PDB file of N, CA and C in Angstrom:
ATOM      1  N   HIS A   1       0.853  -1.181   0.000  1.00  0.00           N
ATOM      2  CA  HIS A   1       0.000   0.000   0.000  1.00  0.00           C
ATOM      3  C   HIS A   1       0.893   1.236   0.000  1.00  0.00           C
ATOM      4  N   GLN A   2       0.723   2.079  -0.992  1.00  0.00           N
ATOM      5  CA  GLN A   2       1.607   3.231  -1.176  1.00  0.00           C
ATOM      6  C   GLN A   2       1.563   4.196   0.007  1.00  0.00           C
ATOM      7  N   ILE A   3       0.401   4.377   0.602  1.00  0.00           N
ATOM      8  CA  ILE A   3       0.299   5.298   1.741  1.00  0.00           C
ATOM      9  C   ILE A   3       1.174   4.811   2.892  1.00  0.00           C
ATOM     10  N   ASP A   4       1.191   3.513   3.134  1.00  0.00           N
ATOM     11  CA  ASP A   4       2.046   2.954   4.183  1.00  0.00           C
ATOM     12  C   ASP A   4       3.520   3.208   3.886  1.00  0.00           C
ATOM     13  N   ILE A   5       3.899   3.098   2.632  1.00  0.00           N
ATOM     14  CA  ILE A   5       5.291   3.341   2.241  1.00  0.00           C
ATOM     15  C   ILE A   5       5.662   4.795   2.524  1.00  0.00           C
ATOM     16  N   TRP A   6       4.808   5.725   2.086  1.00  0.00           N
ATOM     17  CA  TRP A   6       5.087   7.135   2.356  1.00  0.00           C
ATOM     18  C   TRP A   6       5.166   7.407   3.848  1.00  0.00           C
ATOM     19  N   PHE A   7       4.266   6.804   4.613  1.00  0.00           N
ATOM     20  CA  PHE A   7       4.287   6.983   6.067  1.00  0.00           C
ATOM     21  C   PHE A   7       5.606   6.467   6.634  1.00  0.00           C
ATOM     22  N   ASP A   8       5.981   5.257   6.256  1.00  0.00           N
ATOM     23  CA  ASP A   8       7.219   4.659   6.765  1.00  0.00           C
ATOM     24  C   ASP A   8       8.453   5.476   6.385  1.00  0.00           C
ATOM     25  N   GLN A   9       8.391   6.143   5.236  1.00  0.00           N
ATOM     26  CA  GLN A   9       9.501   6.983   4.784  1.00  0.00           C
ATOM     27  C   GLN A   9       9.458   8.381   5.399  1.00  0.00           C
ATOM     28  N   GLY A  10       8.418   8.662   6.160  1.00  0.00           N
ATOM     29  CA  GLY A  10       8.287   9.964   6.789  1.00  0.00           C
ATOM     30  C   GLY A  10       7.723  11.037   5.874  1.00  0.00           C
ATOM     31  N   ASP A  11       7.209  10.644   4.719  1.00  0.00           N
ATOM     32  CA  ASP A  11       6.626  11.607   3.790  1.00  0.00           C
ATOM     33  C   ASP A  11       5.137  11.752   4.104  1.00  0.00           C
ATOM     34  N   TYR A  12       4.871  12.384   5.245  1.00  0.00           N
ATOM     35  CA  TYR A  12       3.503  12.493   5.741  1.00  0.00           C
ATOM     36  C   TYR A  12       2.608  13.322   4.826  1.00  0.00           C
ATOM     37  N   MET A  13       3.168  14.334   4.191  1.00  0.00           N
ATOM     38  CA  MET A  13       2.331  15.189   3.348  1.00  0.00           C
ATOM     39  C   MET A  13       1.786  14.420   2.139  1.00  0.00           C
ATOM     40  N   LYS A  14       2.579  13.535   1.551  1.00  0.00           N
ATOM     41  CA  LYS A  14       2.073  12.714   0.444  1.00  0.00           C
ATOM     42  C   LYS A  14       0.990  11.766   0.948  1.00  0.00           C
ATOM     43  N   ALA A  15       1.230  11.179   2.103  1.00  0.00           N
ATOM     44  CA  ALA A  15       0.243  10.260   2.676  1.00  0.00           C
ATOM     45  C   ALA A  15      -1.054  11.007   2.997  1.00  0.00           C
ATOM     46  N   ILE A  16      -0.924  12.208   3.543  1.00  0.00           N
ATOM     47  CA  ILE A  16      -2.100  13.017   3.862  1.00  0.00           C
ATOM     48  C   ILE A  16      -2.877  13.353   2.595  1.00  0.00           C
ATOM     49  N   GLN A  17      -2.170  13.753   1.555  1.00  0.00           N
ATOM     50  CA  GLN A  17      -2.837  14.103   0.301  1.00  0.00           C
ATOM     51  C   GLN A  17      -3.609  12.909  -0.261  1.00  0.00           C
ATOM     52  N   ALA A  18      -2.989  11.741  -0.216  1.00  0.00           N
ATOM     53  CA  ALA A  18      -3.659  10.534  -0.714  1.00  0.00           C
ATOM     54  C   ALA A  18      -4.885  10.205   0.137  1.00  0.00           C
ATOM     55  N   LEU A  19      -4.766  10.332   1.448  1.00  0.00           N
ATOM     56  CA  LEU A  19      -5.899  10.043   2.331  1.00  0.00           C
ATOM     57  C   LEU A  19      -7.023  11.062   2.145  1.00  0.00           C
ATOM     58  N   ARG A  20      -6.679  12.318   1.902  1.00  0.00           N
ATOM     59  CA  ARG A  20      -7.717  13.321   1.614  1.00  0.00           C
ATOM     60  C   ARG A  20      -8.525  12.896   0.384  1.00  0.00           C
ATOM     61  N   HIS A  21      -7.833  12.418  -0.618  1.00  0.00           N
ATOM     62  CA  HIS A  21      -8.514  11.954  -1.832  1.00  0.00           C
ATOM     63  C   HIS A  21      -9.415  10.751  -1.513  1.00  0.00           C
ATOM     64  N   LEU A  22      -8.882   9.802  -0.753  1.00  0.00           N
ATOM     65  CA  LEU A  22      -9.664   8.611  -0.416  1.00  0.00           C
ATOM     66  C   LEU A  22     -10.912   8.950   0.394  1.00  0.00           C
ATOM     67  N   VAL A  23     -10.821   9.956   1.251  1.00  0.00           N
ATOM     68  CA  VAL A  23     -12.001  10.389   2.021  1.00  0.00           C
ATOM     69  C   VAL A  23     -13.080  10.895   1.074  1.00  0.00           C
ATOM     70  N   GLU A  24     -12.677  11.583   0.021  1.00  0.00           N
ATOM     71  CA  GLU A  24     -13.651  12.074  -0.951  1.00  0.00           C
ATOM     72  C   GLU A  24     -14.304  10.913  -1.696  1.00  0.00           C
ATOM     73  N   VAL A  25     -13.531   9.879  -1.976  1.00  0.00           N
ATOM     74  CA  VAL A  25     -14.036   8.716  -2.700  1.00  0.00           C
ATOM     75  C   VAL A  25     -14.920   7.845  -1.806  1.00  0.00           C
ATOM     76  N   ASP A  26     -14.529   7.701  -0.551  1.00  0.00           N
ATOM     77  CA  ASP A  26     -15.231   6.809   0.383  1.00  0.00           C
ATOM     78  C   ASP A  26     -15.419   7.517   1.727  1.00  0.00           C
ATOM     79  N   PRO A  27     -16.322   8.500   1.801  1.00  0.00           N
ATOM     80  CA  PRO A  27     -16.458   9.310   3.017  1.00  0.00           C
ATOM     81  C   PRO A  27     -16.983   8.565   4.238  1.00  0.00           C
ATOM     82  N   GLY A  28     -17.464   7.365   4.062  1.00  0.00           N
ATOM     83  CA  GLY A  28     -17.972   6.597   5.195  1.00  0.00           C
ATOM     84  C   GLY A  28     -16.978   5.604   5.762  1.00  0.00           C
ATOM     85  N   ASN A  29     -15.745   5.643   5.289  1.00  0.00           N
ATOM     86  CA  ASN A  29     -14.738   4.674   5.715  1.00  0.00           C
ATOM     87  C   ASN A  29     -14.044   5.171   6.980  1.00  0.00           C
ATOM     88  N   TYR A  30     -14.362   4.528   8.088  1.00  0.00           N
ATOM     89  CA  TYR A  30     -13.834   4.900   9.402  1.00  0.00           C
ATOM     90  C   TYR A  30     -12.306   4.867   9.429  1.00  0.00           C
ATOM     91  N   GLU A  31     -11.729   3.819   8.878  1.00  0.00           N
ATOM     92  CA  GLU A  31     -10.280   3.659   8.921  1.00  0.00           C
ATOM     93  C   GLU A  31      -9.560   4.768   8.152  1.00  0.00           C
ATOM     94  N   ILE A  32     -10.085   5.118   6.995  1.00  0.00           N
ATOM     95  CA  ILE A  32      -9.460   6.189   6.212  1.00  0.00           C
ATOM     96  C   ILE A  32      -9.518   7.506   6.972  1.00  0.00           C
ATOM     97  N   VAL A  33     -10.680   7.827   7.523  1.00  0.00           N
ATOM     98  CA  VAL A  33     -10.845   9.094   8.243  1.00  0.00           C
ATOM     99  C   VAL A  33      -9.945   9.149   9.472  1.00  0.00           C
ATOM    100  N   THR A  34      -9.878   8.072  10.220  1.00  0.00           N
ATOM    101  CA  THR A  34      -9.059   8.101  11.430  1.00  0.00           C
ATOM    102  C   THR A  34      -7.560   8.075  11.104  1.00  0.00           C
ATOM    103  N   ASN A  35      -7.174   7.397  10.028  1.00  0.00           N
ATOM    104  CA  ASN A  35      -5.772   7.443   9.604  1.00  0.00           C
ATOM    105  C   ASN A  35      -5.395   8.858   9.174  1.00  0.00           C
ATOM    106  N   LEU A  36      -6.284   9.506   8.427  1.00  0.00           N
ATOM    107  CA  LEU A  36      -6.040  10.884   8.021  1.00  0.00           C
ATOM    108  C   LEU A  36      -5.938  11.782   9.256  1.00  0.00           C
ATOM    109  N   GLY A  37      -6.842  11.606  10.191  1.00  0.00           N
ATOM    110  CA  GLY A  37      -6.801  12.410  11.412  1.00  0.00           C
ATOM    111  C   GLY A  37      -5.503  12.231  12.176  1.00  0.00           C
ATOM    112  N   TYR A  38      -5.037  11.003  12.289  1.00  0.00           N
ATOM    113  CA  TYR A  38      -3.779  10.731  12.988  1.00  0.00           C
ATOM    114  C   TYR A  38      -2.623  11.483  12.326  1.00  0.00           C
ATOM    115  N   LEU A  39      -2.565  11.408  10.991  1.00  0.00           N
ATOM    116  CA  LEU A  39      -1.476  12.088  10.297  1.00  0.00           C
ATOM    117  C   LEU A  39      -1.591  13.606  10.403  1.00  0.00           C
ATOM    118  N   LEU A  40      -2.802  14.129  10.310  1.00  0.00           N
ATOM    119  CA  LEU A  40      -2.980  15.574  10.471  1.00  0.00           C
ATOM    120  C   LEU A  40      -2.533  16.015  11.864  1.00  0.00           C
ATOM    121  N   ARG A  41      -2.864  15.237  12.867  1.00  0.00           N
ATOM    122  CA  ARG A  41      -2.439  15.544  14.236  1.00  0.00           C
ATOM    123  C   ARG A  41      -0.918  15.526  14.342  1.00  0.00           C
ATOM    124  N   SER A  42      -0.280  14.582  13.653  1.00  0.00           N
ATOM    125  CA  SER A  42       1.182  14.449  13.758  1.00  0.00           C
ATOM    126  C   SER A  42       1.924  15.602  13.088  1.00  0.00           C
ATOM    127  N   VAL A  43       1.240  16.350  12.204  1.00  0.00           N
ATOM    128  CA  VAL A  43       1.868  17.522  11.587  1.00  0.00           C
ATOM    129  C   VAL A  43       1.210  18.826  12.089  1.00  0.00           C
ATOM    130  N   ASN A  44       0.622  18.741  13.265  1.00  0.00           N
ATOM    131  CA  ASN A  44       0.045  19.906  13.949  1.00  0.00           C
ATOM    132  C   ASN A  44      -1.058  20.597  13.153  1.00  0.00           C
ATOM    133  N   LYS A  45      -1.934  19.800  12.557  1.00  0.00           N
ATOM    134  CA  LYS A  45      -3.089  20.343  11.845  1.00  0.00           C
ATOM    135  C   LYS A  45      -4.370  19.872  12.535  1.00  0.00           C
ATOM    136  N   GLY A  46      -4.438  20.164  13.830  1.00  0.00           N
ATOM    137  CA  GLY A  46      -5.578  19.730  14.629  1.00  0.00           C
ATOM    138  C   GLY A  46      -6.908  20.294  14.174  1.00  0.00           C
ATOM    139  N   ASP A  47      -6.914  21.527  13.691  1.00  0.00           N
ATOM    140  CA  ASP A  47      -8.177  22.105  13.220  1.00  0.00           C
ATOM    141  C   ASP A  47      -8.727  21.323  12.033  1.00  0.00           C
ATOM    142  N   GLU A  48      -7.843  20.937  11.135  1.00  0.00           N
ATOM    143  CA  GLU A  48      -8.278  20.156   9.975  1.00  0.00           C
ATOM    144  C   GLU A  48      -8.692  18.746  10.396  1.00  0.00           C
ATOM    145  N   GLU A  49      -7.952  18.186  11.342  1.00  0.00           N
ATOM    146  CA  GLU A  49      -8.311  16.865  11.882  1.00  0.00           C
ATOM    147  C   GLU A  49      -9.738  16.898  12.411  1.00  0.00           C
ATOM    148  N   LEU A  50     -10.044  17.876  13.249  1.00  0.00           N
ATOM    149  CA  LEU A  50     -11.381  17.991  13.829  1.00  0.00           C
ATOM    150  C   LEU A  50     -12.435  18.198  12.743  1.00  0.00           C
ATOM    151  N   ALA A  51     -12.128  19.009  11.748  1.00  0.00           N
ATOM    152  CA  ALA A  51     -13.093  19.260  10.668  1.00  0.00           C
ATOM    153  C   ALA A  51     -13.452  17.961   9.947  1.00  0.00           C
ATOM    154  N   TYR A  52     -12.481  17.091   9.715  1.00  0.00           N
ATOM    155  CA  TYR A  52     -12.784  15.805   9.077  1.00  0.00           C
ATOM    156  C   TYR A  52     -13.633  14.924   9.989  1.00  0.00           C
ATOM    157  N   TYR A  53     -13.364  14.955  11.286  1.00  0.00           N
ATOM    158  CA  TYR A  53     -14.157  14.140  12.209  1.00  0.00           C
ATOM    159  C   TYR A  53     -15.601  14.626  12.283  1.00  0.00           C
ATOM    160  N   ILE A  54     -15.789  15.928  12.311  1.00  0.00           N
ATOM    161  CA  ILE A  54     -17.149  16.479  12.348  1.00  0.00           C
ATOM    162  C   ILE A  54     -17.891  16.110  11.064  1.00  0.00           C
ATOM    163  N   ARG A  55     -17.218  16.278   9.966  1.00  0.00           N
ATOM    164  CA  ARG A  55     -17.833  15.919   8.674  1.00  0.00           C
ATOM    165  C   ARG A  55     -18.195  14.438   8.638  1.00  0.00           C
ATOM    166  N   PHE A  56     -17.299  13.591   9.129  1.00  0.00           N
ATOM    167  CA  PHE A  56     -17.546  12.152   9.155  1.00  0.00           C
ATOM    168  C   PHE A  56     -18.805  11.841   9.952  1.00  0.00           C
ATOM    169  N   ARG A  57     -18.928  12.455  11.123  1.00  0.00           N
ATOM    170  CA  ARG A  57     -20.115  12.223  11.968  1.00  0.00           C
ATOM    171  C   ARG A  57     -21.387  12.677  11.259  1.00  0.00           C
ATOM    172  N   LYS A  58     -21.350  13.852  10.679  1.00  0.00           N
ATOM    173  CA  LYS A  58     -22.547  14.408  10.045  1.00  0.00           C
ATOM    174  C   LYS A  58     -22.952  13.648   8.787  1.00  0.00           C
ATOM    175  N   GLU A  59     -21.966  13.149   8.039  1.00  0.00           N
ATOM    176  CA  GLU A  59     -22.279  12.453   6.790  1.00  0.00           C
ATOM    177  C   GLU A  59     -22.611  10.975   6.993  1.00  0.00           C
ATOM    178  N   ASN A  60     -22.421  10.479   8.207  1.00  0.00           N
ATOM    179  CA  ASN A  60     -22.665   9.059   8.483  1.00  0.00           C
ATOM    180  C   ASN A  60     -23.508   8.882   9.741  1.00  0.00           C
ATOM    181  N   PRO A  61     -24.693   9.490   9.781  1.00  0.00           N
ATOM    182  CA  PRO A  61     -25.494   9.477  11.012  1.00  0.00           C
ATOM    183  C   PRO A  61     -25.982   8.096  11.429  1.00  0.00           C
ATOM    184  N   THR A  62     -26.040   7.135  10.524  1.00  0.00           N
ATOM    185  CA  THR A  62     -26.513   5.800  10.893  1.00  0.00           C
ATOM    186  C   THR A  62     -25.386   4.897  11.395  1.00  0.00           C
ATOM    187  N   ASN A  63     -24.154   5.344  11.275  1.00  0.00           N
ATOM    188  CA  ASN A  63     -23.016   4.570  11.769  1.00  0.00           C
ATOM    189  C   ASN A  63     -22.830   4.883  13.252  1.00  0.00           C
ATOM    190  N   PRO A  64     -23.030   3.904  14.133  1.00  0.00           N
ATOM    191  CA  PRO A  64     -22.926   4.188  15.565  1.00  0.00           C
ATOM    192  C   PRO A  64     -21.521   4.605  16.005  1.00  0.00           C
ATOM    193  N   ASP A  65     -20.511   4.343  15.183  1.00  0.00           N
ATOM    194  CA  ASP A  65     -19.143   4.738  15.512  1.00  0.00           C
ATOM    195  C   ASP A  65     -18.767   6.111  14.968  1.00  0.00           C
ATOM    196  N   SER A  66     -19.667   6.750  14.241  1.00  0.00           N
ATOM    197  CA  SER A  66     -19.293   7.985  13.550  1.00  0.00           C
ATOM    198  C   SER A  66     -18.938   9.140  14.485  1.00  0.00           C
ATOM    199  N   SER A  67     -19.435   9.129  15.692  1.00  0.00           N
ATOM    200  CA  SER A  67     -19.122  10.229  16.615  1.00  0.00           C
ATOM    201  C   SER A  67     -17.856   9.972  17.437  1.00  0.00           C
ATOM    202  N   TYR A  68     -17.351   8.752  17.404  1.00  0.00           N
ATOM    203  CA  TYR A  68     -16.210   8.430  18.254  1.00  0.00           C
ATOM    204  C   TYR A  68     -14.947   9.230  17.931  1.00  0.00           C
ATOM    205  N   PRO A  69     -14.519   9.366  16.657  1.00  0.00           N
ATOM    206  CA  PRO A  69     -13.286  10.119  16.420  1.00  0.00           C
ATOM    207  C   PRO A  69     -13.356  11.561  16.939  1.00  0.00           C
ATOM    208  N   GLU A  70     -14.498  12.196  16.752  1.00  0.00           N
ATOM    209  CA  GLU A  70     -14.665  13.564  17.250  1.00  0.00           C
ATOM    210  C   GLU A  70     -14.628  13.586  18.774  1.00  0.00           C
ATOM    211  N   ALA A  71     -15.319  12.645  19.407  1.00  0.00           N
ATOM    212  CA  ALA A  71     -15.330  12.589  20.870  1.00  0.00           C
ATOM    213  C   ALA A  71     -13.926  12.331  21.419  1.00  0.00           C
ATOM    214  N   GLU A  72     -13.205  11.452  20.762  1.00  0.00           N
ATOM    215  CA  GLU A  72     -11.835  11.150  21.198  1.00  0.00           C
ATOM    216  C   GLU A  72     -10.945  12.377  21.041  1.00  0.00           C
ATOM    217  N   PHE A  73     -11.144  13.138  19.976  1.00  0.00           N
ATOM    218  CA  PHE A  73     -10.398  14.378  19.771  1.00  0.00           C
ATOM    219  C   PHE A  73     -10.625  15.326  20.951  1.00  0.00           C
ATOM    220  N   TYR A  74     -11.891  15.528  21.314  1.00  0.00           N
ATOM    221  CA  TYR A  74     -12.208  16.432  22.427  1.00  0.00           C
ATOM    222  C   TYR A  74     -11.618  15.915  23.736  1.00  0.00           C
ATOM    223  N   PHE A  75     -11.715  14.613  23.959  1.00  0.00           N
ATOM    224  CA  PHE A  75     -11.166  14.039  25.192  1.00  0.00           C
ATOM    225  C   PHE A  75      -9.655  14.256  25.253  1.00  0.00           C
ATOM    226  N   ARG A  76      -8.982  13.971  24.166  1.00  0.00           N
ATOM    227  CA  ARG A  76      -7.523  14.119  24.097  1.00  0.00           C
ATOM    228  C   ARG A  76      -7.105  15.565  24.353  1.00  0.00           C
ATOM    229  N   ASN A  77      -7.953  16.509  23.958  1.00  0.00           N
ATOM    230  CA  ASN A  77      -7.648  17.928  24.133  1.00  0.00           C
ATOM    231  C   ASN A  77      -8.289  18.516  25.398  1.00  0.00           C
ATOM    232  N   LYS A  78      -8.728  17.624  26.284  1.00  0.00           N
ATOM    233  CA  LYS A  78      -9.282  17.989  27.587  1.00  0.00           C
ATOM    234  C   LYS A  78     -10.525  18.888  27.487  1.00  0.00           C
ATOM    235  N   LEU A  79     -11.298  18.690  26.433  1.00  0.00           N
ATOM    236  CA  LEU A  79     -12.573  19.389  26.263  1.00  0.00           C
ATOM    237  C   LEU A  79     -13.686  18.411  26.641  1.00  0.00           C
ATOM    238  N   TYR A  80     -13.607  17.938  27.870  1.00  0.00           N
ATOM    239  CA  TYR A  80     -14.436  16.833  28.338  1.00  0.00           C
ATOM    240  C   TYR A  80     -15.935  17.078  28.213  1.00  0.00           C
ATOM    241  N   VAL A  81     -16.368  18.304  28.380  1.00  0.00           N
ATOM    242  CA  VAL A  81     -17.796  18.606  28.354  1.00  0.00           C
ATOM    243  C   VAL A  81     -18.407  18.310  26.977  1.00  0.00           C
ATOM    244  N   LYS A  82     -17.593  18.275  25.945  1.00  0.00           N
ATOM    245  CA  LYS A  82     -18.103  18.015  24.595  1.00  0.00           C
ATOM    246  C   LYS A  82     -18.247  16.525  24.285  1.00  0.00           C
ATOM    247  N   VAL A  83     -17.710  15.671  25.125  1.00  0.00           N
ATOM    248  CA  VAL A  83     -17.716  14.229  24.852  1.00  0.00           C
ATOM    249  C   VAL A  83     -19.084  13.578  25.077  1.00  0.00           C
ATOM    250  N   PRO A  84     -19.717  13.728  26.242  1.00  0.00           N
ATOM    251  CA  PRO A  84     -20.991  13.022  26.471  1.00  0.00           C
ATOM    252  C   PRO A  84     -22.076  13.281  25.431  1.00  0.00           C
ATOM    253  N   PRO A  85     -22.286  14.520  24.977  1.00  0.00           N
ATOM    254  CA  PRO A  85     -23.341  14.713  23.975  1.00  0.00           C
ATOM    255  C   PRO A  85     -23.099  13.943  22.676  1.00  0.00           C
ATOM    256  N   LEU A  86     -21.853  13.633  22.394  1.00  0.00           N
ATOM    257  CA  LEU A  86     -21.551  12.863  21.186  1.00  0.00           C
ATOM    258  C   LEU A  86     -21.750  11.366  21.396  1.00  0.00           C
ATOM    259  N   LEU A  87     -21.430  10.885  22.586  1.00  0.00           N
ATOM    260  CA  LEU A  87     -21.469   9.443  22.827  1.00  0.00           C
ATOM    261  C   LEU A  87     -22.796   8.946  23.400  1.00  0.00           C
ATOM    262  N   GLU A  88     -23.478   9.756  24.182  1.00  0.00           N
ATOM    263  CA  GLU A  88     -24.722   9.298  24.801  1.00  0.00           C
ATOM    264  C   GLU A  88     -25.772   8.814  23.797  1.00  0.00           C
ATOM    265  N   PRO A  89     -25.945   9.463  22.655  1.00  0.00           N
ATOM    266  CA  PRO A  89     -26.966   8.986  21.715  1.00  0.00           C
ATOM    267  C   PRO A  89     -26.713   7.576  21.166  1.00  0.00           C
ATOM    268  N   VAL A  90     -25.472   7.136  21.195  1.00  0.00           N
ATOM    269  CA  VAL A  90     -25.183   5.801  20.629  1.00  0.00           C
ATOM    270  C   VAL A  90     -25.033   4.725  21.700  1.00  0.00           C
ATOM    271  N   LEU A  91     -25.098   5.110  22.963  1.00  0.00           N
ATOM    272  CA  LEU A  91     -24.989   4.092  24.021  1.00  0.00           C
ATOM    273  C   LEU A  91     -26.145   3.109  23.905  1.00  0.00           C
ATOM    274  N   GLY A  92     -25.837   1.866  23.939  1.00  0.00           N
ATOM    275  CA  GLY A  92     -26.858   0.829  23.855  1.00  0.00           C
ATOM    276  C   GLY A  92     -27.246   0.430  22.446  1.00  0.00           C
ATOM    277  N   LYS A  93     -26.775   1.154  21.443  1.00  0.00           N
ATOM    278  CA  LYS A  93     -27.064   0.768  20.061  1.00  0.00           C
ATOM    279  C   LYS A  93     -26.131  -0.359  19.650  1.00  0.00           C
ATOM    280  N   LYS A  94     -26.666  -1.258  18.881  1.00  0.00           N
ATOM    281  CA  LYS A  94     -25.847  -2.366  18.399  1.00  0.00           C
ATOM    282  C   LYS A  94     -25.154  -1.975  17.104  1.00  0.00           C
ATOM    283  N   PRO A  95     -23.890  -2.399  16.971  1.00  0.00           N
ATOM    284  CA  PRO A  95     -23.150  -2.050  15.735  1.00  0.00           C
ATOM    285  C   PRO A  95     -23.742  -2.710  14.506  1.00  0.00           C
TER     286      PRO A  95
END
């Protein structure tokens, strides 16, 4: 997988660009969105990371996992009050 090669070589910007494209092609893919978010975070682009997570949640309302990346972002950044409203609606739902 070319993205893995770029990541292993430290060429994060190429990997990010490829993942941005893949998100456009498959916006409901949890793994692509979270991989993109991880790389954006690693190059200090937290605002863009959060924007992708919010978009993922809004575009995939039937996916019970769609709010998790955004909630995890808020938790990691100690914005705890924003976490429960994202996770409470999916508690008890089956995947």
